[in-house]
PDB file of N, CA and C in Angstrom:
ATOM      1  N   MET A   1     -31.892  13.419  -9.046  1.00  0.00           N
ATOM      2  CA  MET A   1     -31.179  12.958  -8.744  1.00  0.00           C
ATOM      3  C   MET A   1     -30.743  11.232  -9.435  1.00  0.00           C
ATOM      4  N   GLU A   2     -30.650  10.920 -10.442  1.00  0.00           N
ATOM      5  CA  GLU A   2     -31.252   9.163 -10.486  1.00  0.00           C
ATOM      6  C   GLU A   2     -29.987   8.568 -10.036  1.00  0.00           C
ATOM      7  N   GLU A   3     -30.883   7.045 -10.245  1.00  0.00           N
ATOM      8  CA  GLU A   3     -30.217   6.598  -8.968  1.00  0.00           C
ATOM      9  C   GLU A   3     -29.091   5.937  -9.744  1.00  0.00           C
ATOM     10  N   GLN A   4     -27.904   5.323  -9.035  1.00  0.00           N
ATOM     11  CA  GLN A   4     -27.111   4.529  -9.768  1.00  0.00           C
ATOM     12  C   GLN A   4     -27.091   3.062  -9.277  1.00  0.00           C
ATOM     13  N   LYS A   5     -27.700   2.144 -10.133  1.00  0.00           N
ATOM     14  CA  LYS A   5     -27.914   0.711 -10.327  1.00  0.00           C
ATOM     15  C   LYS A   5     -26.130   0.100  -9.464  1.00  0.00           C
ATOM     16  N   ASN A   6     -25.035   0.995 -10.196  1.00  0.00           N
ATOM     17  CA  ASN A   6     -23.776  -0.025  -9.776  1.00  0.00           C
ATOM     18  C   ASN A   6     -23.494   0.759  -7.900  1.00  0.00           C
ATOM     19  N   LYS A   7     -23.822   1.467  -7.605  1.00  0.00           N
ATOM     20  CA  LYS A   7     -23.056   2.001  -6.712  1.00  0.00           C
ATOM     21  C   LYS A   7     -23.847   1.594  -5.110  1.00  0.00           C
ATOM     22  N   LEU A   8     -22.912   1.076  -4.538  1.00  0.00           N
ATOM     23  CA  LEU A   8     -24.176  -0.135  -3.534  1.00  0.00           C
ATOM     24  C   LEU A   8     -23.684   0.481  -2.342  1.00  0.00           C
ATOM     25  N   TYR A   9     -25.226   0.553  -1.038  1.00  0.00           N
ATOM     26  CA  TYR A   9     -25.149   0.859   0.352  1.00  0.00           C
ATOM     27  C   TYR A   9     -24.591  -0.247   1.044  1.00  0.00           C
ATOM     28  N   VAL A  10     -22.878  -0.829   1.511  1.00  0.00           N
ATOM     29  CA  VAL A  10     -22.700  -1.522   2.815  1.00  0.00           C
ATOM     30  C   VAL A  10     -22.849  -0.777   4.027  1.00  0.00           C
ATOM     31  N   GLY A  11     -23.878  -1.192   4.615  1.00  0.00           N
ATOM     32  CA  GLY A  11     -23.566  -1.112   6.464  1.00  0.00           C
ATOM     33  C   GLY A  11     -23.696  -2.415   7.509  1.00  0.00           C
ATOM     34  N   ASN A  12     -23.332  -2.169   8.797  1.00  0.00           N
ATOM     35  CA  ASN A  12     -23.134  -3.022   9.651  1.00  0.00           C
ATOM     36  C   ASN A  12     -21.354  -3.445   8.945  1.00  0.00           C
ATOM     37  N   LEU A  13     -20.982  -2.954   8.912  1.00  0.00           N
ATOM     38  CA  LEU A  13     -19.190  -2.932   8.573  1.00  0.00           C
ATOM     39  C   LEU A  13     -18.194  -3.585  10.051  1.00  0.00           C
ATOM     40  N   PRO A  14     -18.038  -3.685   9.993  1.00  0.00           N
ATOM     41  CA  PRO A  14     -16.774  -4.106  11.361  1.00  0.00           C
ATOM     42  C   PRO A  14     -15.651  -3.459  11.163  1.00  0.00           C
ATOM     43  N   TYR A  15     -15.942  -1.998  12.824  1.00  0.00           N
ATOM     44  CA  TYR A  15     -14.953  -0.761  12.360  1.00  0.00           C
ATOM     45  C   TYR A  15     -13.800  -0.621  12.207  1.00  0.00           C
ATOM     46  N   SER A  16     -12.893  -2.861  11.872  1.00  0.00           N
ATOM     47  CA  SER A  16     -11.804  -2.730  11.555  1.00  0.00           C
ATOM     48  C   SER A  16     -11.654  -3.088   9.938  1.00  0.00           C
ATOM     49  N   VAL A  17     -12.473  -2.851   9.224  1.00  0.00           N
ATOM     50  CA  VAL A  17     -12.486  -2.374   7.515  1.00  0.00           C
ATOM     51  C   VAL A  17     -11.838  -0.846   7.946  1.00  0.00           C
ATOM     52  N   ASN A  18     -11.120  -0.950   5.744  1.00  0.00           N
ATOM     53  CA  ASN A  18     -10.892   0.271   5.777  1.00  0.00           C
ATOM     54  C   ASN A  18     -11.334   0.518   4.491  1.00  0.00           C
ATOM     55  N   ASP A  19     -11.226   1.513   3.633  1.00  0.00           N
ATOM     56  CA  ASP A  19     -11.714   1.172   2.325  1.00  0.00           C
ATOM     57  C   ASP A  19     -10.781   0.462   1.724  1.00  0.00           C
ATOM     58  N   ASP A  20      -9.150   0.292   1.820  1.00  0.00           N
ATOM     59  CA  ASP A  20      -8.535  -1.062   1.008  1.00  0.00           C
ATOM     60  C   ASP A  20      -9.307  -2.478   1.162  1.00  0.00           C
ATOM     61  N   GLY A  21     -10.204  -2.476   2.960  1.00  0.00           N
ATOM     62  CA  GLY A  21     -10.405  -3.645   3.187  1.00  0.00           C
ATOM     63  C   GLY A  21     -12.094  -4.141   2.607  1.00  0.00           C
ATOM     64  N   LEU A  22     -12.896  -2.975   1.923  1.00  0.00           N
ATOM     65  CA  LEU A  22     -14.181  -2.865   1.925  1.00  0.00           C
ATOM     66  C   LEU A  22     -13.839  -3.599  -0.012  1.00  0.00           C
ATOM     67  N   LYS A  23     -13.008  -2.647  -0.640  1.00  0.00           N
ATOM     68  CA  LYS A  23     -12.653  -3.106  -1.830  1.00  0.00           C
ATOM     69  C   LYS A  23     -11.874  -4.353  -1.852  1.00  0.00           C
ATOM     70  N   GLU A  24     -11.003  -5.589  -1.676  1.00  0.00           N
ATOM     71  CA  GLU A  24     -10.561  -6.450  -0.762  1.00  0.00           C
ATOM     72  C   GLU A  24     -12.186  -7.429  -1.254  1.00  0.00           C
ATOM     73  N   LEU A  25     -12.931  -7.199   0.057  1.00  0.00           N
ATOM     74  CA  LEU A  25     -14.092  -8.130   0.282  1.00  0.00           C
ATOM     75  C   LEU A  25     -14.878  -7.965  -1.237  1.00  0.00           C
ATOM     76  N   PHE A  26     -15.039  -7.229  -2.026  1.00  0.00           N
ATOM     77  CA  PHE A  26     -15.857  -6.890  -2.868  1.00  0.00           C
ATOM     78  C   PHE A  26     -15.750  -7.220  -4.809  1.00  0.00           C
ATOM     79  N   ALA A  27     -14.322  -7.457  -3.989  1.00  0.00           N
ATOM     80  CA  ALA A  27     -13.278  -7.867  -5.717  1.00  0.00           C
ATOM     81  C   ALA A  27     -13.812  -9.065  -6.012  1.00  0.00           C
ATOM     82  N   PRO A  28     -14.167 -10.270  -5.327  1.00  0.00           N
ATOM     83  CA  PRO A  28     -14.064 -10.882  -6.283  1.00  0.00           C
ATOM     84  C   PRO A  28     -16.163 -11.281  -6.518  1.00  0.00           C
ATOM     85  N   SER A  29     -16.476 -10.699  -6.156  1.00  0.00           N
ATOM     86  CA  SER A  29     -17.739 -10.546  -7.416  1.00  0.00           C
ATOM     87  C   SER A  29     -17.854  -9.314  -8.423  1.00  0.00           C
ATOM     88  N   GLY A  30     -16.668  -8.509  -9.220  1.00  0.00           N
ATOM     89  CA  GLY A  30     -16.494  -7.627  -9.997  1.00  0.00           C
ATOM     90  C   GLY A  30     -15.535  -6.871  -9.638  1.00  0.00           C
ATOM     91  N   GLU A  31     -15.610  -6.055 -10.794  1.00  0.00           N
ATOM     92  CA  GLU A  31     -14.298  -4.876 -10.826  1.00  0.00           C
ATOM     93  C   GLU A  31     -15.240  -3.690  -9.750  1.00  0.00           C
ATOM     94  N   VAL A  32     -14.886  -3.586  -8.778  1.00  0.00           N
ATOM     95  CA  VAL A  32     -14.551  -2.668  -7.840  1.00  0.00           C
ATOM     96  C   VAL A  32     -13.893  -1.151  -8.243  1.00  0.00           C
ATOM     97  N   THR A  33     -13.968   0.021  -8.491  1.00  0.00           N
ATOM     98  CA  THR A  33     -14.163   1.273  -9.143  1.00  0.00           C
ATOM     99  C   THR A  33     -13.556   2.101  -8.176  1.00  0.00           C
ATOM    100  N   GLU A  34     -14.668   1.977  -6.625  1.00  0.00           N
ATOM    101  CA  GLU A  34     -14.273   3.056  -5.645  1.00  0.00           C
ATOM    102  C   GLU A  34     -14.784   1.861  -4.725  1.00  0.00           C
ATOM    103  N   ALA A  35     -14.207   2.556  -3.396  1.00  0.00           N
ATOM    104  CA  ALA A  35     -14.596   2.078  -2.374  1.00  0.00           C
ATOM    105  C   ALA A  35     -14.456   2.617  -0.970  1.00  0.00           C
ATOM    106  N   LYS A  36     -15.629   3.124  -0.360  1.00  0.00           N
ATOM    107  CA  LYS A  36     -15.595   3.990   1.307  1.00  0.00           C
ATOM    108  C   LYS A  36     -15.922   4.089   2.164  1.00  0.00           C
ATOM    109  N   VAL A  37     -15.080   3.922   3.280  1.00  0.00           N
ATOM    110  CA  VAL A  37     -16.407   3.672   4.080  1.00  0.00           C
ATOM    111  C   VAL A  37     -16.358   4.819   4.699  1.00  0.00           C
ATOM    112  N   ILE A  38     -16.882   5.352   5.605  1.00  0.00           N
ATOM    113  CA  ILE A  38     -17.565   6.432   6.156  1.00  0.00           C
ATOM    114  C   ILE A  38     -17.004   6.636   7.352  1.00  0.00           C
ATOM    115  N   THR A  39     -16.619   7.602   7.760  1.00  0.00           N
ATOM    116  CA  THR A  39     -15.424   8.210   9.297  1.00  0.00           C
ATOM    117  C   THR A  39     -15.924   9.003  10.392  1.00  0.00           C
ATOM    118  N   ASP A  40     -16.454   9.143  11.052  1.00  0.00           N
ATOM    119  CA  ASP A  40     -16.354  10.536  11.500  1.00  0.00           C
ATOM    120  C   ASP A  40     -14.863  11.297  11.158  1.00  0.00           C
ATOM    121  N   LYS A  41     -15.302  12.405  10.832  1.00  0.00           N
ATOM    122  CA  LYS A  41     -14.990  13.838  11.094  1.00  0.00           C
ATOM    123  C   LYS A  41     -14.195  14.096  11.759  1.00  0.00           C
ATOM    124  N   PHE A  42     -14.435  14.075  12.972  1.00  0.00           N
ATOM    125  CA  PHE A  42     -13.240  14.255  14.084  1.00  0.00           C
ATOM    126  C   PHE A  42     -11.975  13.091  14.740  1.00  0.00           C
ATOM    127  N   SER A  43     -12.668  12.360  14.650  1.00  0.00           N
ATOM    128  CA  SER A  43     -12.172  11.030  15.285  1.00  0.00           C
ATOM    129  C   SER A  43     -11.450  10.016  14.635  1.00  0.00           C
ATOM    130  N   GLY A  44     -12.030  10.379  13.154  1.00  0.00           N
ATOM    131  CA  GLY A  44     -11.567   9.000  11.849  1.00  0.00           C
ATOM    132  C   GLY A  44     -11.954   8.418  12.282  1.00  0.00           C
ATOM    133  N   ARG A  45     -12.312   7.125  13.217  1.00  0.00           N
ATOM    134  CA  ARG A  45     -12.843   6.255  12.664  1.00  0.00           C
ATOM    135  C   ARG A  45     -14.389   6.257  12.431  1.00  0.00           C
ATOM    136  N   SER A  46     -14.416   4.948  11.602  1.00  0.00           N
ATOM    137  CA  SER A  46     -15.271   3.842  11.096  1.00  0.00           C
ATOM    138  C   SER A  46     -16.962   4.332  11.508  1.00  0.00           C
ATOM    139  N   LYS A  47     -17.608   4.591  10.805  1.00  0.00           N
ATOM    140  CA  LYS A  47     -18.819   4.763  11.238  1.00  0.00           C
ATOM    141  C   LYS A  47     -20.186   3.769  10.994  1.00  0.00           C
ATOM    142  N   GLY A  48     -18.648   2.491  10.967  1.00  0.00           N
ATOM    143  CA  GLY A  48     -19.918   0.894  10.432  1.00  0.00           C
ATOM    144  C   GLY A  48     -20.746   0.834   9.164  1.00  0.00           C
ATOM    145  N   PHE A  49     -20.699   1.979   7.908  1.00  0.00           N
ATOM    146  CA  PHE A  49     -21.155   1.300   6.667  1.00  0.00           C
ATOM    147  C   PHE A  49     -20.146   2.365   5.956  1.00  0.00           C
ATOM    148  N   GLY A  50     -20.444   1.980   4.596  1.00  0.00           N
ATOM    149  CA  GLY A  50     -19.695   2.605   3.482  1.00  0.00           C
ATOM    150  C   GLY A  50     -20.617   2.166   2.128  1.00  0.00           C
ATOM    151  N   PHE A  51     -19.504   2.679   0.705  1.00  0.00           N
ATOM    152  CA  PHE A  51     -19.790   2.538  -0.239  1.00  0.00           C
ATOM    153  C   PHE A  51     -19.301   2.333  -1.550  1.00  0.00           C
ATOM    154  N   VAL A  52     -19.844   1.013  -1.569  1.00  0.00           N
ATOM    155  CA  VAL A  52     -19.021   0.487  -2.995  1.00  0.00           C
ATOM    156  C   VAL A  52     -19.487   0.867  -4.413  1.00  0.00           C
ATOM    157  N   THR A  53     -18.779   1.396  -5.926  1.00  0.00           N
ATOM    158  CA  THR A  53     -19.352   1.156  -6.913  1.00  0.00           C
ATOM    159  C   THR A  53     -18.387   0.457  -7.638  1.00  0.00           C
ATOM    160  N   MET A  54     -19.393  -0.415  -7.986  1.00  0.00           N
ATOM    161  CA  MET A  54     -19.031  -1.567  -8.989  1.00  0.00           C
ATOM    162  C   MET A  54     -19.053  -1.097 -10.173  1.00  0.00           C
ATOM    163  N   LYS A  55     -18.138  -1.753 -11.637  1.00  0.00           N
ATOM    164  CA  LYS A  55     -18.079  -1.424 -12.854  1.00  0.00           C
ATOM    165  C   LYS A  55     -19.033  -1.298 -13.088  1.00  0.00           C
ATOM    166  N   ASP A  56     -19.879  -1.980 -14.024  1.00  0.00           N
ATOM    167  CA  ASP A  56     -21.198  -2.208 -13.907  1.00  0.00           C
ATOM    168  C   ASP A  56     -22.170  -2.419 -12.838  1.00  0.00           C
ATOM    169  N   ASP A  57     -24.330  -2.978 -13.718  1.00  0.00           N
ATOM    170  CA  ASP A  57     -24.898  -3.341 -13.013  1.00  0.00           C
ATOM    171  C   ASP A  57     -24.810  -4.683 -12.809  1.00  0.00           C
ATOM    172  N   ALA A  58     -24.433  -5.455 -13.776  1.00  0.00           N
ATOM    173  CA  ALA A  58     -24.171  -6.863 -14.031  1.00  0.00           C
ATOM    174  C   ALA A  58     -23.811  -6.845 -12.470  1.00  0.00           C
ATOM    175  N   ALA A  59     -22.411  -5.971 -12.528  1.00  0.00           N
ATOM    176  CA  ALA A  59     -21.284  -6.800 -11.006  1.00  0.00           C
ATOM    177  C   ALA A  59     -21.483  -6.076  -9.838  1.00  0.00           C
ATOM    178  N   ALA A  60     -22.284  -5.277 -10.034  1.00  0.00           N
ATOM    179  CA  ALA A  60     -22.863  -4.829  -9.165  1.00  0.00           C
ATOM    180  C   ALA A  60     -24.897  -6.081  -8.432  1.00  0.00           C
ATOM    181  N   GLU A  61     -24.655  -6.684  -9.210  1.00  0.00           N
ATOM    182  CA  GLU A  61     -26.254  -7.433  -8.827  1.00  0.00           C
ATOM    183  C   GLU A  61     -25.646  -8.338  -8.000  1.00  0.00           C
ATOM    184  N   LYS A  62     -24.502  -9.078  -8.538  1.00  0.00           N
ATOM    185  CA  LYS A  62     -23.419  -9.886  -8.340  1.00  0.00           C
ATOM    186  C   LYS A  62     -23.218 -10.080  -6.634  1.00  0.00           C
ATOM    187  N   ALA A  63     -22.361  -8.922  -6.839  1.00  0.00           N
ATOM    188  CA  ALA A  63     -22.352  -8.385  -5.348  1.00  0.00           C
ATOM    189  C   ALA A  63     -23.472  -7.991  -4.090  1.00  0.00           C
ATOM    190  N   ILE A  64     -24.632  -7.826  -4.440  1.00  0.00           N
ATOM    191  CA  ILE A  64     -25.574  -7.885  -3.453  1.00  0.00           C
ATOM    192  C   ILE A  64     -25.840  -9.419  -3.239  1.00  0.00           C
ATOM    193  N   THR A  65     -25.749  -9.893  -4.080  1.00  0.00           N
ATOM    194  CA  THR A  65     -26.298 -11.550  -4.398  1.00  0.00           C
ATOM    195  C   THR A  65     -24.693 -12.288  -3.172  1.00  0.00           C
ATOM    196  N   ASP A  66     -24.297 -12.101  -3.776  1.00  0.00           N
ATOM    197  CA  ASP A  66     -23.142 -12.612  -2.829  1.00  0.00           C
ATOM    198  C   ASP A  66     -22.750 -11.913  -1.049  1.00  0.00           C
ATOM    199  N   MET A  67     -22.709 -10.917  -1.360  1.00  0.00           N
ATOM    200  CA  MET A  67     -22.231 -10.508   0.232  1.00  0.00           C
ATOM    201  C   MET A  67     -23.695  -9.643   1.050  1.00  0.00           C
ATOM    202  N   ASP A  68     -24.565 -10.134   0.502  1.00  0.00           N
ATOM    203  CA  ASP A  68     -25.339  -9.234   2.090  1.00  0.00           C
ATOM    204  C   ASP A  68     -25.775 -10.422   2.570  1.00  0.00           C
ATOM    205  N   GLY A  69     -25.885 -10.359   4.157  1.00  0.00           N
ATOM    206  CA  GLY A  69     -25.990 -10.765   4.686  1.00  0.00           C
ATOM    207  C   GLY A  69     -24.837 -12.102   5.158  1.00  0.00           C
ATOM    208  N   LYS A  70     -23.231 -11.163   4.369  1.00  0.00           N
ATOM    209  CA  LYS A  70     -22.142 -12.734   4.704  1.00  0.00           C
ATOM    210  C   LYS A  70     -22.034 -11.799   5.529  1.00  0.00           C
ATOM    211  N   ASP A  71     -21.188 -12.720   6.463  1.00  0.00           N
ATOM    212  CA  ASP A  71     -20.666 -12.774   8.193  1.00  0.00           C
ATOM    213  C   ASP A  71     -19.397 -12.204   7.879  1.00  0.00           C
ATOM    214  N   ILE A  72     -18.703 -10.606   8.790  1.00  0.00           N
ATOM    215  CA  ILE A  72     -17.348 -10.170   8.305  1.00  0.00           C
ATOM    216  C   ILE A  72     -17.208 -10.286   9.613  1.00  0.00           C
ATOM    217  N   ASP A  73     -16.205 -11.273  10.515  1.00  0.00           N
ATOM    218  CA  ASP A  73     -16.166 -10.811  12.140  1.00  0.00           C
ATOM    219  C   ASP A  73     -17.266 -10.945  12.783  1.00  0.00           C
ATOM    220  N   GLY A  74     -18.043 -11.975  12.809  1.00  0.00           N
ATOM    221  CA  GLY A  74     -19.293 -11.715  13.619  1.00  0.00           C
ATOM    222  C   GLY A  74     -20.672 -10.939  13.227  1.00  0.00           C
ATOM    223  N   ARG A  75     -20.350  -9.962  12.090  1.00  0.00           N
ATOM    224  CA  ARG A  75     -21.227  -9.097  11.880  1.00  0.00           C
ATOM    225  C   ARG A  75     -22.085  -9.334  10.399  1.00  0.00           C
ATOM    226  N   PRO A  76     -23.411  -9.391  10.276  1.00  0.00           N
ATOM    227  CA  PRO A  76     -24.078 -10.232   9.023  1.00  0.00           C
ATOM    228  C   PRO A  76     -23.353  -8.582   7.879  1.00  0.00           C
ATOM    229  N   MET A  77     -22.762  -8.128   6.880  1.00  0.00           N
ATOM    230  CA  MET A  77     -22.922  -7.558   6.498  1.00  0.00           C
ATOM    231  C   MET A  77     -24.823  -7.316   5.721  1.00  0.00           C
ATOM    232  N   LYS A  78     -24.856  -5.659   5.244  1.00  0.00           N
ATOM    233  CA  LYS A  78     -26.337  -5.112   5.005  1.00  0.00           C
ATOM    234  C   LYS A  78     -25.851  -4.436   3.446  1.00  0.00           C
ATOM    235  N   VAL A  79     -25.703  -5.352   1.851  1.00  0.00           N
ATOM    236  CA  VAL A  79     -25.370  -4.276   0.791  1.00  0.00           C
ATOM    237  C   VAL A  79     -27.435  -4.213  -0.128  1.00  0.00           C
ATOM    238  N   ASN A  80     -27.341  -3.348  -0.247  1.00  0.00           N
ATOM    239  CA  ASN A  80     -28.322  -3.049  -1.150  1.00  0.00           C
ATOM    240  C   ASN A  80     -27.723  -1.977  -2.408  1.00  0.00           C
ATOM    241  N   VAL A  81     -28.715  -1.367  -3.341  1.00  0.00           N
ATOM    242  CA  VAL A  81     -28.177  -0.454  -4.485  1.00  0.00           C
ATOM    243  C   VAL A  81     -28.724   1.090  -2.968  1.00  0.00           C
ATOM    244  N   ALA A  82     -27.331   1.880  -3.675  1.00  0.00           N
ATOM    245  CA  ALA A  82     -27.673   2.900  -2.690  1.00  0.00           C
ATOM    246  C   ALA A  82     -28.484   4.365  -3.195  1.00  0.00           C
ATOM    247  N   ARG A  83     -29.593   4.532  -2.520  1.00  0.00           N
ATOM    248  CA  ARG A  83     -30.248   5.615  -2.791  1.00  0.00           C
ATOM    249  C   ARG A  83     -29.335   6.817  -2.486  1.00  0.00           C
ATOM    250  N   PRO A  84     -30.055   7.343  -3.494  1.00  0.00           N
ATOM    251  CA  PRO A  84     -29.551   9.055  -3.190  1.00  0.00           C
ATOM    252  C   PRO A  84     -29.852   9.770  -1.690  1.00  0.00           C
ATOM    253  N   MET A  85     -28.335  11.252  -1.294  1.00  0.00           N
ATOM    254  CA  MET A  85     -29.170  11.026  -0.337  1.00  0.00           C
ATOM    255  C   MET A  85     -30.307  12.170  -0.023  1.00  0.00           C
ATOM    256  N   ARG A  86     -31.325  11.868   0.836  1.00  0.00           N
ATOM    257  CA  ARG A  86     -32.305  12.663   0.670  1.00  0.00           C
ATOM    258  C   ARG A  86     -31.794  14.308   1.736  1.00  0.00           C
ATOM    259  N   ASP A  87     -32.327  15.119   1.721  1.00  0.00           N
ATOM    260  CA  ASP A  87     -32.543  16.550   2.174  1.00  0.00           C
ATOM    261  C   ASP A  87     -33.243  16.572   3.737  1.00  0.00           C
ATOM    262  N   LYS A  88     -32.480  17.058   4.279  1.00  0.00           N
ATOM    263  CA  LYS A  88     -33.527  17.268   5.682  1.00  0.00           C
ATOM    264  C   LYS A  88     -33.907  17.382   6.172  1.00  0.00           C
TER     265      LYS A  88
END
């Protein structure tokens, strides 16, 4: 599976952030085509990470530069290019 350079992994999110909040956080860096916070399938609570897909690679690079390490509610976000899931 080919790596998508415009799909970003976003870690160390505050549990209060939802899909819309994640999209709003990244909007200043460029057009966000999708933002998804990963939630526990039983409780529905955020797992503290998610994925953001930017319109293109340039917007993704800008988002990484702008957002990696940015403090959100006392938590420094970790932002990098998402890697494909590996088989367990």
